């Protein structure tokens, strides 16, 4: 595949509702949409980096810089026979995984369209639909939280993920169990807000029979998570700590977790996500697909990867109208049945761009042509 042209479209879209975690509050998503041209085909990718370096060291701005200055030139200089080649091409550049994933995702979409197969099929996916859950940020009051959960359960979402932090953890989770019972699939996401000094407090979560507690300790830690997991009945799920298949291998060998959250952007792309999926499947570690407040293109990539067989826990890939007044794709992502989203079968990501919405929220555009 020869890349003729790449466009970086800078968009800023207001979230339908503010989203708050232990490391900040977002009211809009500032991101880049990638259009990659090769002959008559166009592949689409999306950068999931946040405006501030709270989740990882990357930001919207640094990802754009890395794409422009280093990664796009590498794509233009090298021959690509298969999307897996992109990982090797990008390997001289350390980390910057979200920038890499944005471009690699467009290559995967382009490859699938050229072969006239769905992205899910190209990745080896077998599911016709995926189970989806919902991620709920920190709310102003517990009553507000309970009201939101009631609504999402009525819509059929198959997992409820609640953001927690010190001072906002045991009480809201207990109230959820009191109101909705022990059988709803409930998990807590700490986003690295605790340390081993909180061990006795975190043990108090065990009676709540949570599906998991996600990333309770430091973002780059595996050793302390292994210590904590030995003391908890509740499964630990690692998120920020897993940036590669090698990280996943170490976490599994250390027994740092019993579940892994896979985010395409965090691990550097679909190729690396597949490697982690396969490694976890071999070691009986279930995986699920986390969310980064993606717009429609990123959401479509999440649907495709979740079609792989070891995604046995409902992910965060909710319908478009969970986050956006209007999305950048058409049709928008919708549930095909309560708690389920159908996996597209048409070529590539299976969605078209809504150019009117893109034009409405676009604040910048850069075009790069391959003159090599």
Protein backbone atom coordinates (compact mmCIF):
# COMPACT_ATOMS: atom_id res chain seq x y z
CA UNK A 1 0.00 0.00 0.00
CA UNK A 2 1.37 3.37 -1.01
CA UNK A 3 0.08 6.33 0.97
CA UNK A 4 -0.66 9.19 -1.42
CA UNK A 5 -1.84 11.73 1.11
CA UNK A 6 -2.63 12.04 4.81
CA UNK A 7 -4.90 14.65 6.36
CA UNK A 8 -4.95 15.56 10.04
CA UNK A 9 -8.24 17.19 11.02
CA UNK A 10 -8.26 18.90 14.41
CA UNK A 11 -11.71 18.75 16.06
CA UNK A 12 -13.09 20.01 19.35
CA UNK A 13 -16.45 18.49 20.31
CA UNK A 14 -18.51 19.21 23.44
CA UNK A 15 -19.35 16.17 25.56
CA UNK A 16 -23.03 15.61 26.20
CA UNK A 17 -22.25 15.48 29.93
CA UNK A 18 -19.06 16.42 31.85
CA UNK A 19 -16.88 13.38 32.62
CA UNK A 20 -14.94 13.40 35.89
CA UNK A 21 -12.29 10.95 37.12
CA UNK A 22 -9.71 10.99 39.90
CA UNK A 23 -7.35 12.98 37.67
CA UNK A 24 -9.67 15.63 36.25
CA UNK A 25 -12.90 16.74 34.62
CA UNK A 26 -13.58 16.99 30.89
CA UNK A 27 -16.37 18.94 29.20
CA UNK A 28 -15.15 18.57 25.60
CA UNK A 29 -12.93 16.29 23.52
CA UNK A 30 -10.03 17.84 21.66
CA UNK A 31 -8.72 15.27 19.14
CA UNK A 32 -7.38 14.54 15.67
CA UNK A 33 -9.18 12.65 12.94
CA UNK A 34 -6.92 11.01 10.35
CA UNK A 35 -7.79 10.55 6.70
CA UNK A 36 -5.33 8.35 4.81
CA UNK A 37 -5.55 8.24 1.01
CA UNK A 38 -4.28 5.40 -1.18
CA UNK A 39 -5.58 5.25 -4.73
CA UNK A 40 -9.38 5.30 -4.61
CA UNK A 41 -9.60 4.30 -0.95
CA UNK A 42 -9.57 6.34 2.27
CA UNK A 43 -8.71 4.91 5.68
CA UNK A 44 -9.82 6.59 8.91
CA UNK A 45 -8.10 6.79 12.28
CA UNK A 46 -8.61 8.78 15.47
CA UNK A 47 -6.19 10.03 18.11
CA UNK A 48 -7.48 9.33 21.63
CA UNK A 49 -4.93 11.46 23.52
CA UNK A 50 -6.36 13.86 26.08
CA UNK A 51 -5.68 17.63 26.26
CA UNK A 52 -3.67 17.17 29.47
CA UNK A 53 -1.07 14.52 30.39
CA UNK A 54 -3.09 13.05 33.26
CA UNK A 55 -3.86 9.58 31.89
CA UNK A 56 -0.54 9.14 30.05
CA UNK A 57 2.30 11.48 29.19
CA UNK A 58 0.78 12.16 25.77
CA UNK A 59 -1.51 15.09 24.94
CA UNK A 60 -3.49 16.12 21.90
CA UNK A 61 -0.68 18.50 20.98
CA UNK A 62 2.24 16.13 21.49
CA UNK A 63 0.49 13.40 19.49
CA UNK A 64 -0.03 15.80 16.59
CA UNK A 65 3.63 16.83 16.74
CA UNK A 66 4.85 13.22 16.70
CA UNK A 67 2.60 12.36 13.77
CA UNK A 68 3.69 15.37 11.75
CA UNK A 69 7.40 15.37 12.48
CA UNK A 70 8.24 11.67 12.73
CA UNK A 71 5.51 9.11 12.09
CA UNK A 72 3.96 10.37 8.85
CA UNK A 73 7.41 10.71 7.20
CA UNK A 74 8.17 7.12 8.24
CA UNK A 75 4.93 5.90 6.63
CA UNK A 76 5.78 7.71 3.41
CA UNK A 77 9.33 6.31 3.30
CA UNK A 78 8.50 2.66 3.92
CA UNK A 79 6.68 -0.03 2.01
CA UNK A 80 3.62 -1.47 3.77
CA UNK A 81 2.33 -4.86 2.70
CA UNK A 82 0.23 -5.48 5.80
CA UNK A 83 -0.83 -3.27 8.75
CA UNK A 84 1.36 -5.37 11.06
CA UNK A 85 4.34 -3.80 9.25
CA UNK A 86 3.54 -0.43 10.84
CA UNK A 87 4.69 -1.55 14.29
CA UNK A 88 8.15 -2.35 12.94
CA UNK A 89 8.27 0.90 10.96
CA UNK A 90 7.42 2.91 14.08
CA UNK A 91 9.69 0.91 16.41
CA UNK A 92 12.62 3.41 16.32
CA UNK A 93 10.27 5.91 18.02
CA UNK A 94 9.87 5.18 21.71
CA UNK A 95 6.39 5.17 23.26
CA UNK A 96 4.06 7.91 21.91
CA UNK A 97 1.60 5.05 21.56
CA UNK A 98 -1.51 7.13 20.96
CA UNK A 99 0.09 8.94 18.05
CA UNK A 100 1.19 5.61 16.59
CA UNK A 101 -2.22 4.02 17.08
CA UNK A 102 -4.05 6.88 15.36
CA UNK A 103 -2.11 6.38 12.14
CA UNK A 104 -1.93 2.59 12.38
CA UNK A 105 -5.71 2.46 12.77
CA UNK A 106 -6.12 4.33 9.48
CA UNK A 107 -3.75 1.83 7.82
CA UNK A 108 -5.86 -1.09 9.10
CA UNK A 109 -9.04 0.57 7.79
CA UNK A 110 -7.40 1.23 4.43
CA UNK A 111 -6.11 -2.35 4.19
CA UNK A 112 -9.56 -3.76 4.96
CA UNK A 113 -11.23 -1.55 2.38
CA UNK A 114 -8.73 -2.52 -0.30
CA UNK A 115 -9.42 -6.19 0.45
CA UNK A 116 -13.19 -5.52 0.65
CA UNK A 117 -13.50 -7.09 4.10
CA UNK A 118 -14.59 -5.72 7.43
CA UNK A 119 -11.98 -4.49 9.88
CA UNK A 120 -13.27 -7.04 12.40
CA UNK A 121 -12.69 -9.85 9.88
CA UNK A 122 -9.21 -8.54 9.04
CA UNK A 123 -8.33 -8.66 12.74
CA UNK A 124 -9.61 -12.21 13.13
CA UNK A 125 -12.83 -11.33 14.90
CA UNK A 126 -15.63 -13.86 15.03
CA UNK A 127 -18.45 -12.18 16.96
CA UNK A 128 -21.53 -10.83 15.20
CA UNK A 129 -22.23 -8.50 18.11
CA UNK A 130 -20.42 -7.30 21.23
CA UNK A 131 -21.61 -6.80 24.79
CA UNK A 132 -21.31 -3.24 26.02
CA UNK A 133 -21.24 -1.58 29.40
CA UNK A 134 -21.09 2.02 30.54
CA UNK A 135 -18.48 4.08 32.37
CA UNK A 136 -19.81 6.65 34.83
CA UNK A 137 -17.68 9.53 36.04
CA UNK A 138 -17.66 10.93 39.56
CA UNK A 139 -21.05 12.53 40.24
CA UNK A 140 -22.08 15.54 42.30
CA UNK A 141 -24.13 13.35 44.61
CA UNK A 142 -24.78 9.67 45.23
CA UNK A 143 -28.44 10.24 44.36
CA UNK A 144 -27.34 11.49 40.92
CA UNK A 145 -25.16 8.40 40.54
CA UNK A 146 -27.98 6.02 41.43
CA UNK A 147 -30.34 7.76 39.03
CA UNK A 148 -27.86 7.41 36.17
CA UNK A 149 -27.28 3.74 36.92
CA UNK A 150 -31.02 3.09 37.00
CA UNK A 151 -31.32 4.61 33.53
CA UNK A 152 -28.42 2.64 32.09
CA UNK A 153 -29.66 -0.64 33.52
CA UNK A 154 -33.06 0.02 31.97
CA UNK A 155 -31.31 0.45 28.60
CA UNK A 156 -29.72 -2.98 29.02
CA UNK A 157 -26.06 -2.10 29.57
CA UNK A 158 -24.27 -5.25 30.70
CA UNK A 159 -21.65 -3.74 33.00
CA UNK A 160 -21.61 -0.68 35.23
CA UNK A 161 -18.20 0.93 35.77
CA UNK A 162 -17.99 3.62 38.44
CA UNK A 163 -15.03 5.97 38.83
CA UNK A 164 -13.75 6.18 42.39
CA UNK A 165 -11.13 8.09 44.38
CA UNK A 166 -10.22 8.42 48.07
CA UNK A 167 -13.27 9.82 49.85
CA UNK A 168 -15.58 8.68 47.04
CA UNK A 169 -15.46 4.90 46.99
CA UNK A 170 -16.94 2.70 49.71
CA UNK A 171 -20.08 4.77 50.28
CA UNK A 172 -21.25 5.10 46.64
CA UNK A 173 -20.44 1.47 45.87
CA UNK A 174 -22.30 0.28 48.98
CA UNK A 175 -25.32 2.41 48.07
CA UNK A 176 -25.32 0.91 44.58
CA UNK A 177 -25.37 -2.61 46.01
CA UNK A 178 -28.11 -1.69 48.47
CA UNK A 179 -30.33 -0.31 45.71
CA UNK A 180 -29.65 -2.69 42.84
CA UNK A 181 -28.50 -5.87 44.54
CA UNK A 182 -25.45 -8.06 44.35
CA UNK A 183 -26.11 -9.48 40.89
CA UNK A 184 -25.58 -6.43 38.69
CA UNK A 185 -22.09 -6.54 37.09
CA UNK A 186 -20.42 -3.67 38.97
CA UNK A 187 -16.79 -2.58 38.89
CA UNK A 188 -14.76 0.33 40.22
CA UNK A 189 -12.08 2.27 38.35
CA UNK A 190 -9.53 4.09 40.51
CA UNK A 191 -7.20 5.51 37.83
CA UNK A 192 -4.14 5.08 40.10
CA UNK A 193 -5.64 7.05 42.99
CA UNK A 194 -4.46 4.75 45.83
CA UNK A 195 -1.27 3.28 47.31
CA UNK A 196 -0.44 0.22 49.43
CA UNK A 197 -1.01 2.40 52.48
CA UNK A 198 -4.70 2.12 51.57
CA UNK A 199 -4.62 -1.69 51.75
CA UNK A 200 -6.92 -2.02 54.76
CA UNK A 201 -9.40 0.40 53.21
CA UNK A 202 -9.38 -1.39 49.83
CA UNK A 203 -10.06 -4.71 51.59
CA UNK A 204 -13.41 -3.22 52.63
CA UNK A 205 -14.48 -3.46 48.98
CA UNK A 206 -14.30 -7.29 48.98
CA UNK A 207 -17.76 -7.86 50.54
CA UNK A 208 -19.29 -5.86 47.68
CA UNK A 209 -18.40 -8.65 45.24
CA UNK A 210 -17.19 -6.30 42.53
CA UNK A 211 -16.44 -7.67 39.10
CA UNK A 212 -13.03 -5.99 39.45
CA UNK A 213 -11.20 -2.93 40.70
CA UNK A 214 -9.32 -1.27 37.88
CA UNK A 215 -5.83 0.23 38.31
CA UNK A 216 -6.00 1.01 42.02
CA UNK A 217 -2.26 1.76 42.36
CA UNK A 218 0.36 3.72 40.41
CA UNK A 219 0.08 3.95 36.63
CA UNK A 220 3.50 2.37 36.05
CA UNK A 221 3.38 -0.23 38.81
CA UNK A 222 3.20 -4.02 38.71
CA UNK A 223 5.00 -5.10 41.89
CA UNK A 224 2.70 -3.35 44.37
CA UNK A 225 -0.33 -4.56 42.43
CA UNK A 226 0.97 -8.12 42.88
CA UNK A 227 1.22 -7.51 46.63
CA UNK A 228 -2.29 -6.04 46.70
CA UNK A 229 -3.85 -8.81 44.61
CA UNK A 230 -2.60 -11.41 47.11
CA UNK A 231 -4.53 -9.55 49.84
CA UNK A 232 -7.76 -8.99 47.92
CA UNK A 233 -10.52 -11.37 46.87
CA UNK A 234 -11.65 -8.79 44.31
CA UNK A 235 -9.86 -9.24 40.96
CA UNK A 236 -7.49 -6.44 40.02
CA UNK A 237 -7.67 -5.23 36.42
CA UNK A 238 -4.64 -3.41 35.02
CA UNK A 239 -5.11 -0.51 32.61
CA UNK A 240 -2.40 2.19 32.58
CA UNK A 241 0.32 -0.32 33.55
CA UNK A 242 -0.13 -2.30 30.32
CA UNK A 243 1.37 -0.48 27.33
CA UNK A 244 2.63 -3.51 25.38
CA UNK A 245 2.47 -7.28 25.11
CA UNK A 246 5.71 -7.37 27.08
CA UNK A 247 4.04 -5.46 29.92
CA UNK A 248 1.17 -7.93 29.85
CA UNK A 249 3.59 -10.87 30.03
CA UNK A 250 5.29 -9.43 33.11
CA UNK A 251 1.99 -8.66 34.82
CA UNK A 252 0.76 -12.20 34.23
CA UNK A 253 3.98 -13.77 35.50
CA UNK A 254 3.98 -11.55 38.60
CA UNK A 255 0.28 -12.25 39.22
CA UNK A 256 -0.32 -8.50 39.33
CA UNK A 257 -3.85 -8.85 37.99
CA UNK A 258 -6.53 -11.29 36.96
CA UNK A 259 -8.05 -9.16 34.18
CA UNK A 260 -6.59 -6.73 31.61
CA UNK A 261 -8.27 -3.69 30.08
CA UNK A 262 -7.23 -3.28 26.44
CA UNK A 263 -7.20 0.21 24.95
CA UNK A 264 -5.96 0.46 21.39
CA UNK A 265 -4.41 3.90 21.85
CA UNK A 266 -2.66 3.07 25.11
CA UNK A 267 -0.87 0.01 23.64
CA UNK A 268 0.12 1.60 20.32
CA UNK A 269 -2.39 0.16 17.90
CA UNK A 270 -4.46 -2.80 16.78
CA UNK A 271 -1.47 -5.04 16.05
CA UNK A 272 -0.17 -4.78 19.62
CA UNK A 273 -3.71 -5.11 20.98
CA UNK A 274 -4.04 -8.41 19.10
CA UNK A 275 -0.76 -9.66 20.59
CA UNK A 276 -1.96 -8.83 24.11
CA UNK A 277 -5.32 -10.46 23.43
CA UNK A 278 -3.65 -13.68 22.25
CA UNK A 279 -1.22 -13.75 25.18
CA UNK A 280 -4.03 -13.26 27.68
CA UNK A 281 -6.14 -15.94 26.04
CA UNK A 282 -3.25 -18.39 26.28
CA UNK A 283 -2.95 -17.62 30.00
CA UNK A 284 -6.69 -17.61 30.79
CA UNK A 285 -6.73 -13.88 31.53
CA UNK A 286 -9.97 -12.28 30.25
CA UNK A 287 -9.75 -8.92 28.50
CA UNK A 288 -12.23 -6.15 27.80
CA UNK A 289 -12.11 -2.97 25.77
CA UNK A 290 -11.83 0.28 27.70
CA UNK A 291 -12.88 3.69 26.43
CA UNK A 292 -11.14 7.03 25.93
CA UNK A 293 -14.23 9.12 25.17
CA UNK A 294 -13.81 8.26 21.51
CA UNK A 295 -15.79 9.87 18.74
CA UNK A 296 -17.24 7.63 16.05
CA UNK A 297 -14.07 6.49 14.27
CA UNK A 298 -12.30 5.46 17.46
CA UNK A 299 -15.52 3.83 18.63
CA UNK A 300 -15.67 1.80 15.39
CA UNK A 301 -12.12 0.54 15.91
CA UNK A 302 -13.09 -0.54 19.45
CA UNK A 303 -16.06 -2.50 18.12
CA UNK A 304 -13.82 -4.30 15.63
CA UNK A 305 -11.17 -5.37 18.15
CA UNK A 306 -13.85 -6.45 20.66
CA UNK A 307 -15.09 -8.99 18.11
CA UNK A 308 -12.07 -11.17 19.02
CA UNK A 309 -12.90 -14.23 21.10
CA UNK A 310 -11.17 -13.43 24.43
CA UNK A 311 -13.11 -10.20 24.97
CA UNK A 312 -15.39 -11.97 27.43
CA UNK A 313 -16.30 -8.97 29.63
CA UNK A 314 -18.53 -6.16 28.40
CA UNK A 315 -16.46 -3.12 27.39
CA UNK A 316 -16.93 0.64 27.59
CA UNK A 317 -17.93 1.08 23.93
CA UNK A 318 -21.35 2.59 24.55
CA UNK A 319 -23.65 4.02 21.89
CA UNK A 320 -22.74 7.39 20.36
CA UNK A 321 -25.58 9.21 22.09
CA UNK A 322 -24.12 8.26 25.49
CA UNK A 323 -21.40 10.91 24.91
CA UNK A 324 -22.32 13.11 21.94
CA UNK A 325 -25.19 15.28 20.79
CA UNK A 326 -24.04 14.33 17.30
CA UNK A 327 -21.23 12.04 16.21
CA UNK A 328 -18.77 12.28 13.29
CA UNK A 329 -19.96 9.03 11.66
CA UNK A 330 -23.13 7.88 9.96
CA UNK A 331 -24.96 5.89 10.98
CA UNK A 332 -24.04 6.62 14.56
CA UNK A 333 -23.14 3.72 16.85
CA UNK A 334 -26.38 2.34 18.29
CA UNK A 335 -27.31 -0.71 20.32
CA UNK A 336 -28.71 -3.45 18.11
CA UNK A 337 -30.33 -5.10 21.17
CA UNK A 338 -30.23 -4.26 24.88
CA UNK A 339 -26.56 -4.18 25.89
CA UNK A 340 -25.31 -5.19 22.46
CA UNK A 341 -23.78 -3.47 19.42
CA UNK A 342 -23.70 -5.22 16.07
CA UNK A 343 -20.28 -5.68 14.49
CA UNK A 344 -20.30 -4.10 11.01
CA UNK A 345 -19.80 -6.47 8.09
CA UNK A 346 -19.13 -3.95 5.32
CA UNK A 347 -15.60 -3.07 4.24
CA UNK A 348 -13.30 -1.31 6.71
CA UNK A 349 -14.70 0.19 9.89
CA UNK A 350 -18.23 -0.11 8.50
CA UNK A 351 -19.21 3.54 9.00
CA UNK A 352 -19.03 6.62 6.78
CA UNK A 353 -17.95 10.05 7.94
CA UNK A 354 -20.56 12.72 8.59
CA UNK A 355 -18.76 15.57 6.87
CA UNK A 356 -21.28 18.18 8.04
CA UNK A 357 -20.61 17.37 11.69
CA UNK A 358 -16.86 17.28 11.07
CA UNK A 359 -16.97 20.70 9.41
CA UNK A 360 -18.99 22.08 12.33
CA UNK A 361 -16.40 21.06 14.95
CA UNK A 362 -13.18 21.28 12.95
CA UNK A 363 -10.74 23.93 14.19
CA UNK A 364 -7.76 23.09 11.99
CA UNK A 365 -6.55 20.95 9.10
CA UNK A 366 -3.14 19.94 7.75
CA UNK A 367 -2.39 18.00 4.58
CA UNK A 368 0.72 15.91 3.90
CA UNK A 369 1.46 14.52 0.45
CA UNK A 370 3.81 11.68 -0.37
CA UNK A 371 6.32 12.99 -2.87
CA UNK A 372 8.71 10.06 -2.44
